[in-house]
Amino acid sequence: MRFDKGIDKRYRKSVEDAFSTIIEKGNDFHRHMAKQILRSDLLVRVQPVSIVNASGVTGLIDTGETNSAL
């Protein structure tokens, strides 16, 4: 996992802390997925939703399909 340039340290720490908590308190599947993300080339960006043209609400349309893809 990597962070986009210019991300404030507090946001980076927040994301890193979230993954640490998932690995510490999650079930086997949660830990597996968190570790896969941490080892991946996933880019983390922190920007106002108006810049990325998003609503600020996240969710999955089809969790089964997403789990299969993962």
PDB file of N, CA and C in Angstrom:
ATOM      1  N   MET A   1       0.859  -1.166   0.000  1.00  0.00           N
ATOM      2  CA  MET A   1       0.000   0.000   0.000  1.00  0.00           C
ATOM      3  C   MET A   1       0.903   1.226   0.000  1.00  0.00           C
ATOM      4  N   ARG A   2       0.490   2.189  -0.762  1.00  0.00           N
ATOM      5  CA  ARG A   2       1.265   3.422  -0.809  1.00  0.00           C
ATOM      6  C   ARG A   2       0.316   4.617  -0.686  1.00  0.00           C
ATOM      7  N   PHE A   3       0.871   5.725  -0.308  1.00  0.00           N
ATOM      8  CA  PHE A   3       0.084   6.930  -0.108  1.00  0.00           C
ATOM      9  C   PHE A   3       0.423   7.958  -1.185  1.00  0.00           C
ATOM     10  N   ASP A   4      -0.599   8.673  -1.636  1.00  0.00           N
ATOM     11  CA  ASP A   4      -0.425   9.748  -2.594  1.00  0.00           C
ATOM     12  C   ASP A   4       0.452  10.831  -1.971  1.00  0.00           C
ATOM     13  N   LYS A   5       1.168  11.564  -2.811  1.00  0.00           N
ATOM     14  CA  LYS A   5       2.030  12.645  -2.322  1.00  0.00           C
ATOM     15  C   LYS A   5       1.209  13.682  -1.566  1.00  0.00           C
ATOM     16  N   GLY A   6       1.816  14.239  -0.554  1.00  0.00           N
ATOM     17  CA  GLY A   6       1.214  15.358   0.143  1.00  0.00           C
ATOM     18  C   GLY A   6       0.139  15.011   1.160  1.00  0.00           C
ATOM     19  N   ILE A   7      -0.045  13.723   1.453  1.00  0.00           N
ATOM     20  CA  ILE A   7      -1.044  13.365   2.460  1.00  0.00           C
ATOM     21  C   ILE A   7      -0.500  13.735   3.829  1.00  0.00           C
ATOM     22  N   ASP A   8      -1.270  14.497   4.563  1.00  0.00           N
ATOM     23  CA  ASP A   8      -0.892  14.911   5.906  1.00  0.00           C
ATOM     24  C   ASP A   8      -0.620  13.687   6.771  1.00  0.00           C
ATOM     25  N   LYS A   9       0.360  13.801   7.644  1.00  0.00           N
ATOM     26  CA  LYS A   9       0.745  12.676   8.504  1.00  0.00           C
ATOM     27  C   LYS A   9      -0.419  12.149   9.339  1.00  0.00           C
ATOM     28  N   ARG A  10      -1.328  13.023   9.741  1.00  0.00           N
ATOM     29  CA  ARG A  10      -2.451  12.566  10.572  1.00  0.00           C
ATOM     30  C   ARG A  10      -3.382  11.645   9.788  1.00  0.00           C
ATOM     31  N   TYR A  11      -3.560  11.897   8.487  1.00  0.00           N
ATOM     32  CA  TYR A  11      -4.402  11.030   7.674  1.00  0.00           C
ATOM     33  C   TYR A  11      -3.705   9.695   7.409  1.00  0.00           C
ATOM     34  N   ARG A  12      -2.410   9.755   7.146  1.00  0.00           N
ATOM     35  CA  ARG A  12      -1.639   8.530   6.938  1.00  0.00           C
ATOM     36  C   ARG A  12      -1.695   7.669   8.204  1.00  0.00           C
ATOM     37  N   LYS A  13      -1.493   8.295   9.350  1.00  0.00           N
ATOM     38  CA  LYS A  13      -1.529   7.565  10.617  1.00  0.00           C
ATOM     39  C   LYS A  13      -2.914   6.976  10.864  1.00  0.00           C
ATOM     40  N   SER A  14      -3.950   7.705  10.515  1.00  0.00           N
ATOM     41  CA  SER A  14      -5.315   7.221  10.694  1.00  0.00           C
ATOM     42  C   SER A  14      -5.552   5.946   9.891  1.00  0.00           C
ATOM     43  N   VAL A  15      -5.101   5.930   8.641  1.00  0.00           N
ATOM     44  CA  VAL A  15      -5.270   4.747   7.790  1.00  0.00           C
ATOM     45  C   VAL A  15      -4.424   3.590   8.327  1.00  0.00           C
ATOM     46  N   GLU A  16      -3.176   3.876   8.686  1.00  0.00           N
ATOM     47  CA  GLU A  16      -2.302   2.833   9.225  1.00  0.00           C
ATOM     48  C   GLU A  16      -2.862   2.260  10.524  1.00  0.00           C
ATOM     49  N   ASP A  17      -3.382   3.129  11.393  1.00  0.00           N
ATOM     50  CA  ASP A  17      -3.987   2.668  12.652  1.00  0.00           C
ATOM     51  C   ASP A  17      -5.206   1.787  12.393  1.00  0.00           C
ATOM     52  N   ALA A  18      -5.996   2.150  11.379  1.00  0.00           N
ATOM     53  CA  ALA A  18      -7.178   1.348  11.050  1.00  0.00           C
ATOM     54  C   ALA A  18      -6.769  -0.063  10.634  1.00  0.00           C
ATOM     55  N   PHE A  19      -5.743  -0.175   9.804  1.00  0.00           N
ATOM     56  CA  PHE A  19      -5.280  -1.494   9.392  1.00  0.00           C
ATOM     57  C   PHE A  19      -4.705  -2.273  10.567  1.00  0.00           C
ATOM     58  N   SER A  20      -4.001  -1.598  11.453  1.00  0.00           N
ATOM     59  CA  SER A  20      -3.471  -2.267  12.649  1.00  0.00           C
ATOM     60  C   SER A  20      -4.604  -2.825  13.505  1.00  0.00           C
ATOM     61  N   THR A  21      -5.665  -2.059  13.651  1.00  0.00           N
ATOM     62  CA  THR A  21      -6.813  -2.510  14.444  1.00  0.00           C
ATOM     63  C   THR A  21      -7.497  -3.697  13.783  1.00  0.00           C
ATOM     64  N   ILE A  22      -7.641  -3.657  12.472  1.00  0.00           N
ATOM     65  CA  ILE A  22      -8.254  -4.783  11.763  1.00  0.00           C
ATOM     66  C   ILE A  22      -7.424  -6.043  11.970  1.00  0.00           C
ATOM     67  N   ILE A  23      -6.113  -5.927  11.851  1.00  0.00           N
ATOM     68  CA  ILE A  23      -5.242  -7.089  12.018  1.00  0.00           C
ATOM     69  C   ILE A  23      -5.280  -7.594  13.460  1.00  0.00           C
ATOM     70  N   GLU A  24      -5.382  -6.683  14.407  1.00  0.00           N
ATOM     71  CA  GLU A  24      -5.412  -7.064  15.821  1.00  0.00           C
ATOM     72  C   GLU A  24      -6.755  -7.672  16.239  1.00  0.00           C
ATOM     73  N   LYS A  25      -7.854  -7.099  15.771  1.00  0.00           N
ATOM     74  CA  LYS A  25      -9.162  -7.478  16.298  1.00  0.00           C
ATOM     75  C   LYS A  25     -10.059  -8.233  15.309  1.00  0.00           C
ATOM     76  N   GLY A  26      -9.664  -8.264  14.045  1.00  0.00           N
ATOM     77  CA  GLY A  26     -10.503  -8.896  13.035  1.00  0.00           C
ATOM     78  C   GLY A  26     -10.447 -10.413  13.078  1.00  0.00           C
ATOM     79  N   ASN A  27     -11.342 -11.016  12.312  1.00  0.00           N
ATOM     80  CA  ASN A  27     -11.303 -12.475  12.199  1.00  0.00           C
ATOM     81  C   ASN A  27     -10.253 -12.862  11.157  1.00  0.00           C
ATOM     82  N   ASP A  28     -10.114 -14.147  10.883  1.00  0.00           N
ATOM     83  CA  ASP A  28      -9.077 -14.601   9.946  1.00  0.00           C
ATOM     84  C   ASP A  28      -9.222 -13.952   8.576  1.00  0.00           C
ATOM     85  N   PHE A  29     -10.459 -13.842   8.097  1.00  0.00           N
ATOM     86  CA  PHE A  29     -10.696 -13.242   6.784  1.00  0.00           C
ATOM     87  C   PHE A  29     -10.298 -11.764   6.787  1.00  0.00           C
ATOM     88  N   HIS A  30     -10.682 -11.027   7.830  1.00  0.00           N
ATOM     89  CA  HIS A  30     -10.337  -9.607   7.929  1.00  0.00           C
ATOM     90  C   HIS A  30      -8.823  -9.432   7.916  1.00  0.00           C
ATOM     91  N   ARG A  31      -8.133 -10.240   8.722  1.00  0.00           N
ATOM     92  CA  ARG A  31      -6.669 -10.143   8.794  1.00  0.00           C
ATOM     93  C   ARG A  31      -6.035 -10.455   7.433  1.00  0.00           C
ATOM     94  N   HIS A  32      -6.538 -11.488   6.790  1.00  0.00           N
ATOM     95  CA  HIS A  32      -6.012 -11.871   5.479  1.00  0.00           C
ATOM     96  C   HIS A  32      -6.166 -10.716   4.484  1.00  0.00           C
ATOM     97  N   MET A  33      -7.351 -10.134   4.417  1.00  0.00           N
ATOM     98  CA  MET A  33      -7.603  -9.057   3.454  1.00  0.00           C
ATOM     99  C   MET A  33      -6.769  -7.814   3.782  1.00  0.00           C
ATOM    100  N   ALA A  34      -6.671  -7.468   5.062  1.00  0.00           N
ATOM    101  CA  ALA A  34      -5.877  -6.297   5.451  1.00  0.00           C
ATOM    102  C   ALA A  34      -4.415  -6.496   5.062  1.00  0.00           C
ATOM    103  N   LYS A  35      -3.891  -7.674   5.292  1.00  0.00           N
ATOM    104  CA  LYS A  35      -2.494  -7.952   4.940  1.00  0.00           C
ATOM    105  C   LYS A  35      -2.292  -7.916   3.434  1.00  0.00           C
ATOM    106  N   GLN A  36      -3.268  -8.423   2.673  1.00  0.00           N
ATOM    107  CA  GLN A  36      -3.174  -8.374   1.210  1.00  0.00           C
ATOM    108  C   GLN A  36      -3.138  -6.926   0.719  1.00  0.00           C
ATOM    109  N   ILE A  37      -3.974  -6.089   1.296  1.00  0.00           N
ATOM    110  CA  ILE A  37      -4.006  -4.674   0.908  1.00  0.00           C
ATOM    111  C   ILE A  37      -2.680  -4.008   1.263  1.00  0.00           C
ATOM    112  N   LEU A  38      -2.173  -4.260   2.467  1.00  0.00           N
ATOM    113  CA  LEU A  38      -0.920  -3.653   2.887  1.00  0.00           C
ATOM    114  C   LEU A  38       0.242  -4.063   1.982  1.00  0.00           C
ATOM    115  N   ARG A  39       0.213  -5.274   1.477  1.00  0.00           N
ATOM    116  CA  ARG A  39       1.288  -5.772   0.598  1.00  0.00           C
ATOM    117  C   ARG A  39       1.098  -5.345  -0.859  1.00  0.00           C
ATOM    118  N   SER A  40      -0.052  -4.795  -1.168  1.00  0.00           N
ATOM    119  CA  SER A  40      -0.385  -4.459  -2.556  1.00  0.00           C
ATOM    120  C   SER A  40       0.178  -3.102  -2.962  1.00  0.00           C
ATOM    121  N   ASP A  41      -0.109  -2.732  -4.201  1.00  0.00           N
ATOM    122  CA  ASP A  41       0.293  -1.440  -4.746  1.00  0.00           C
ATOM    123  C   ASP A  41      -0.870  -0.447  -4.690  1.00  0.00           C
ATOM    124  N   LEU A  42      -1.847  -0.709  -3.828  1.00  0.00           N
ATOM    125  CA  LEU A  42      -3.010   0.156  -3.691  1.00  0.00           C
ATOM    126  C   LEU A  42      -2.575   1.576  -3.346  1.00  0.00           C
ATOM    127  N   LEU A  43      -3.133   2.548  -4.039  1.00  0.00           N
ATOM    128  CA  LEU A  43      -2.826   3.952  -3.790  1.00  0.00           C
ATOM    129  C   LEU A  43      -3.916   4.562  -2.918  1.00  0.00           C
ATOM    130  N   VAL A  44      -3.510   5.136  -1.799  1.00  0.00           N
ATOM    131  CA  VAL A  44      -4.441   5.798  -0.889  1.00  0.00           C
ATOM    132  C   VAL A  44      -4.364   7.290  -1.162  1.00  0.00           C
ATOM    133  N   ARG A  45      -5.534   7.873  -1.474  1.00  0.00           N
ATOM    134  CA  ARG A  45      -5.626   9.308  -1.712  1.00  0.00           C
ATOM    135  C   ARG A  45      -6.588   9.911  -0.700  1.00  0.00           C
ATOM    136  N   VAL A  46      -6.259  11.106  -0.239  1.00  0.00           N
ATOM    137  CA  VAL A  46      -7.144  11.830   0.661  1.00  0.00           C
ATOM    138  C   VAL A  46      -7.370  13.201   0.036  1.00  0.00           C
ATOM    139  N   GLN A  47      -8.615  13.394  -0.436  1.00  0.00           N
ATOM    140  CA  GLN A  47      -8.984  14.660  -1.053  1.00  0.00           C
ATOM    141  C   GLN A  47     -10.444  14.938  -0.762  1.00  0.00           C
ATOM    142  N   PRO A  48     -10.834  16.205  -0.834  1.00  0.00           N
ATOM    143  CA  PRO A  48     -12.253  16.519  -0.674  1.00  0.00           C
ATOM    144  C   PRO A  48     -13.078  15.797  -1.733  1.00  0.00           C
ATOM    145  N   VAL A  49     -14.254  15.371  -1.368  1.00  0.00           N
ATOM    146  CA  VAL A  49     -15.097  14.635  -2.316  1.00  0.00           C
ATOM    147  C   VAL A  49     -15.445  15.485  -3.538  1.00  0.00           C
ATOM    148  N   SER A  50     -15.458  16.793  -3.393  1.00  0.00           N
ATOM    149  CA  SER A  50     -15.759  17.656  -4.541  1.00  0.00           C
ATOM    150  C   SER A  50     -14.674  17.558  -5.615  1.00  0.00           C
ATOM    151  N   ILE A  51     -13.447  17.293  -5.224  1.00  0.00           N
ATOM    152  CA  ILE A  51     -12.346  17.185  -6.181  1.00  0.00           C
ATOM    153  C   ILE A  51     -12.410  15.868  -6.944  1.00  0.00           C
ATOM    154  N   VAL A  52     -12.754  14.794  -6.258  1.00  0.00           N
ATOM    155  CA  VAL A  52     -12.810  13.484  -6.924  1.00  0.00           C
ATOM    156  C   VAL A  52     -14.208  13.175  -7.449  1.00  0.00           C
ATOM    157  N   ASN A  53     -15.094  14.162  -7.344  1.00  0.00           N
ATOM    158  CA  ASN A  53     -16.462  14.044  -7.863  1.00  0.00           C
ATOM    159  C   ASN A  53     -17.182  12.828  -7.266  1.00  0.00           C
ATOM    160  N   ALA A  54     -17.166  12.751  -5.949  1.00  0.00           N
ATOM    161  CA  ALA A  54     -17.802  11.635  -5.250  1.00  0.00           C
ATOM    162  C   ALA A  54     -18.780  12.174  -4.220  1.00  0.00           C
ATOM    163  N   SER A  55     -19.577  11.269  -3.679  1.00  0.00           N
ATOM    164  CA  SER A  55     -20.586  11.676  -2.701  1.00  0.00           C
ATOM    165  C   SER A  55     -20.051  11.653  -1.275  1.00  0.00           C
ATOM    166  N   GLY A  56     -18.948  10.944  -1.059  1.00  0.00           N
ATOM    167  CA  GLY A  56     -18.431  10.780   0.295  1.00  0.00           C
ATOM    168  C   GLY A  56     -18.991   9.549   0.975  1.00  0.00           C
ATOM    169  N   VAL A  57     -19.916   8.880   0.322  1.00  0.00           N
ATOM    170  CA  VAL A  57     -20.516   7.659   0.857  1.00  0.00           C
ATOM    171  C   VAL A  57     -19.888   6.476   0.122  1.00  0.00           C
ATOM    172  N   THR A  58     -19.452   5.481   0.875  1.00  0.00           N
ATOM    173  CA  THR A  58     -18.855   4.312   0.240  1.00  0.00           C
ATOM    174  C   THR A  58     -19.714   3.088   0.499  1.00  0.00           C
ATOM    175  N   GLY A  59     -19.605   2.140  -0.377  1.00  0.00           N
ATOM    176  CA  GLY A  59     -20.363   0.906  -0.221  1.00  0.00           C
ATOM    177  C   GLY A  59     -20.136   0.011  -1.417  1.00  0.00           C
ATOM    178  N   LEU A  60     -20.649  -1.178  -1.347  1.00  0.00           N
ATOM    179  CA  LEU A  60     -20.522  -2.146  -2.432  1.00  0.00           C
ATOM    180  C   LEU A  60     -21.892  -2.424  -3.017  1.00  0.00           C
ATOM    181  N   ILE A  61     -21.955  -2.505  -4.316  1.00  0.00           N
ATOM    182  CA  ILE A  61     -23.212  -2.827  -4.976  1.00  0.00           C
ATOM    183  C   ILE A  61     -23.495  -4.309  -4.850  1.00  0.00           C
ATOM    184  N   ASP A  62     -22.460  -5.125  -5.046  1.00  0.00           N
ATOM    185  CA  ASP A  62     -22.625  -6.584  -5.003  1.00  0.00           C
ATOM    186  C   ASP A  62     -21.489  -7.184  -4.191  1.00  0.00           C
ATOM    187  N   THR A  63     -21.730  -7.435  -2.908  1.00  0.00           N
ATOM    188  CA  THR A  63     -20.653  -7.932  -2.037  1.00  0.00           C
ATOM    189  C   THR A  63     -20.171  -9.308  -2.457  1.00  0.00           C
ATOM    190  N   GLY A  64     -21.042 -10.148  -2.931  1.00  0.00           N
ATOM    191  CA  GLY A  64     -20.635 -11.480  -3.385  1.00  0.00           C
ATOM    192  C   GLY A  64     -19.675 -11.395  -4.554  1.00  0.00           C
ATOM    193  N   GLU A  65     -20.001 -10.576  -5.528  1.00  0.00           N
ATOM    194  CA  GLU A  65     -19.140 -10.393  -6.692  1.00  0.00           C
ATOM    195  C   GLU A  65     -17.789  -9.794  -6.280  1.00  0.00           C
ATOM    196  N   THR A  66     -17.832  -8.839  -5.372  1.00  0.00           N
ATOM    197  CA  THR A  66     -16.593  -8.220  -4.901  1.00  0.00           C
ATOM    198  C   THR A  66     -15.731  -9.240  -4.182  1.00  0.00           C
ATOM    199  N   ASN A  67     -16.336 -10.035  -3.309  1.00  0.00           N
ATOM    200  CA  ASN A  67     -15.571 -11.062  -2.602  1.00  0.00           C
ATOM    201  C   ASN A  67     -14.970 -12.073  -3.570  1.00  0.00           C
ATOM    202  N   SER A  68     -15.693 -12.425  -4.603  1.00  0.00           N
ATOM    203  CA  SER A  68     -15.158 -13.349  -5.612  1.00  0.00           C
ATOM    204  C   SER A  68     -13.963 -12.744  -6.330  1.00  0.00           C
ATOM    205  N   ALA A  69     -14.054 -11.460  -6.636  1.00  0.00           N
ATOM    206  CA  ALA A  69     -12.951 -10.778  -7.319  1.00  0.00           C
ATOM    207  C   ALA A  69     -11.723 -10.684  -6.447  1.00  0.00           C
ATOM    208  N   LEU A  70     -11.943 -10.538  -5.150  1.00  0.00           N
ATOM    209  CA  LEU A  70     -10.805 -10.458  -4.243  1.00  0.00           C
ATOM    210  C   LEU A  70     -10.152 -11.796  -4.110  1.00  0.00           C
TER     211      LEU A  70
END
